[in-house]
Amino acid sequence: MNGDVMGGGVIVAIAAALWLAYLVPVWLRRREYLATERNAVRLQQTLRILAETSELPDEVRMEATARTVAEQQRILRRAEQKTLAHARAEAAAHARREQALAEERRRAAEEAERAAAEAIALERAARAAAAQRARALATAAAVAPSRPSAAGVCAGPAHSRPSSSSPASPGSSPERWS
């Protein structure tokens, strides 16, 4: 029995030694990591406090001001370019609207001119037709007195013209008037 108790104790001692061999380095690394972390936090806090309380040198302040000015100039240039592009777009749209209006006015003027030309042509045609009717009447009046009338009625100038109650039509013949 002594051998079994002793054998079990040796196994437990070996297991404890192995655990210690594993856990001691892990605990040491963990402790070192936490110490490093605490130092980093302390350093960061110290730098923040120093930055808040210390006076900036003029060179650093001037450099920061120059950077700010350059950035503001870039922003201003972009805004001006956007404004210029917007103004150009509006001007182009306005020019297109003006061009469309001018084109519409030109078309209306051409249409009015065409209508006036047609009216003039119709008026000329009407005058030409009236002149032709007048010539036909004059020719009929000149031919009518030289011909003797079939009924024996004297064909004088008063009887050779159509009366004002019956106007002459272009298709009527001059023989019917006498």
Foldseek 3Di string as FASTA:
>chain_A
DVVVVVVVVVVVVVVVVVVCVPVVVVVVVVVVVVVVVVVVVVVVVVVVVCVVPDDDDPVVVVVVVVVVVVVVVVVVVVVVVVVVVVVVVVVVVVVVVVVVVVVVVVVVVVVVVVVVVVVVVVVVVVVVVVVVVVVQLVVLLVVQQVDQDPVRDRCDSVQQHDDPVDDDDPPDHSNVSD
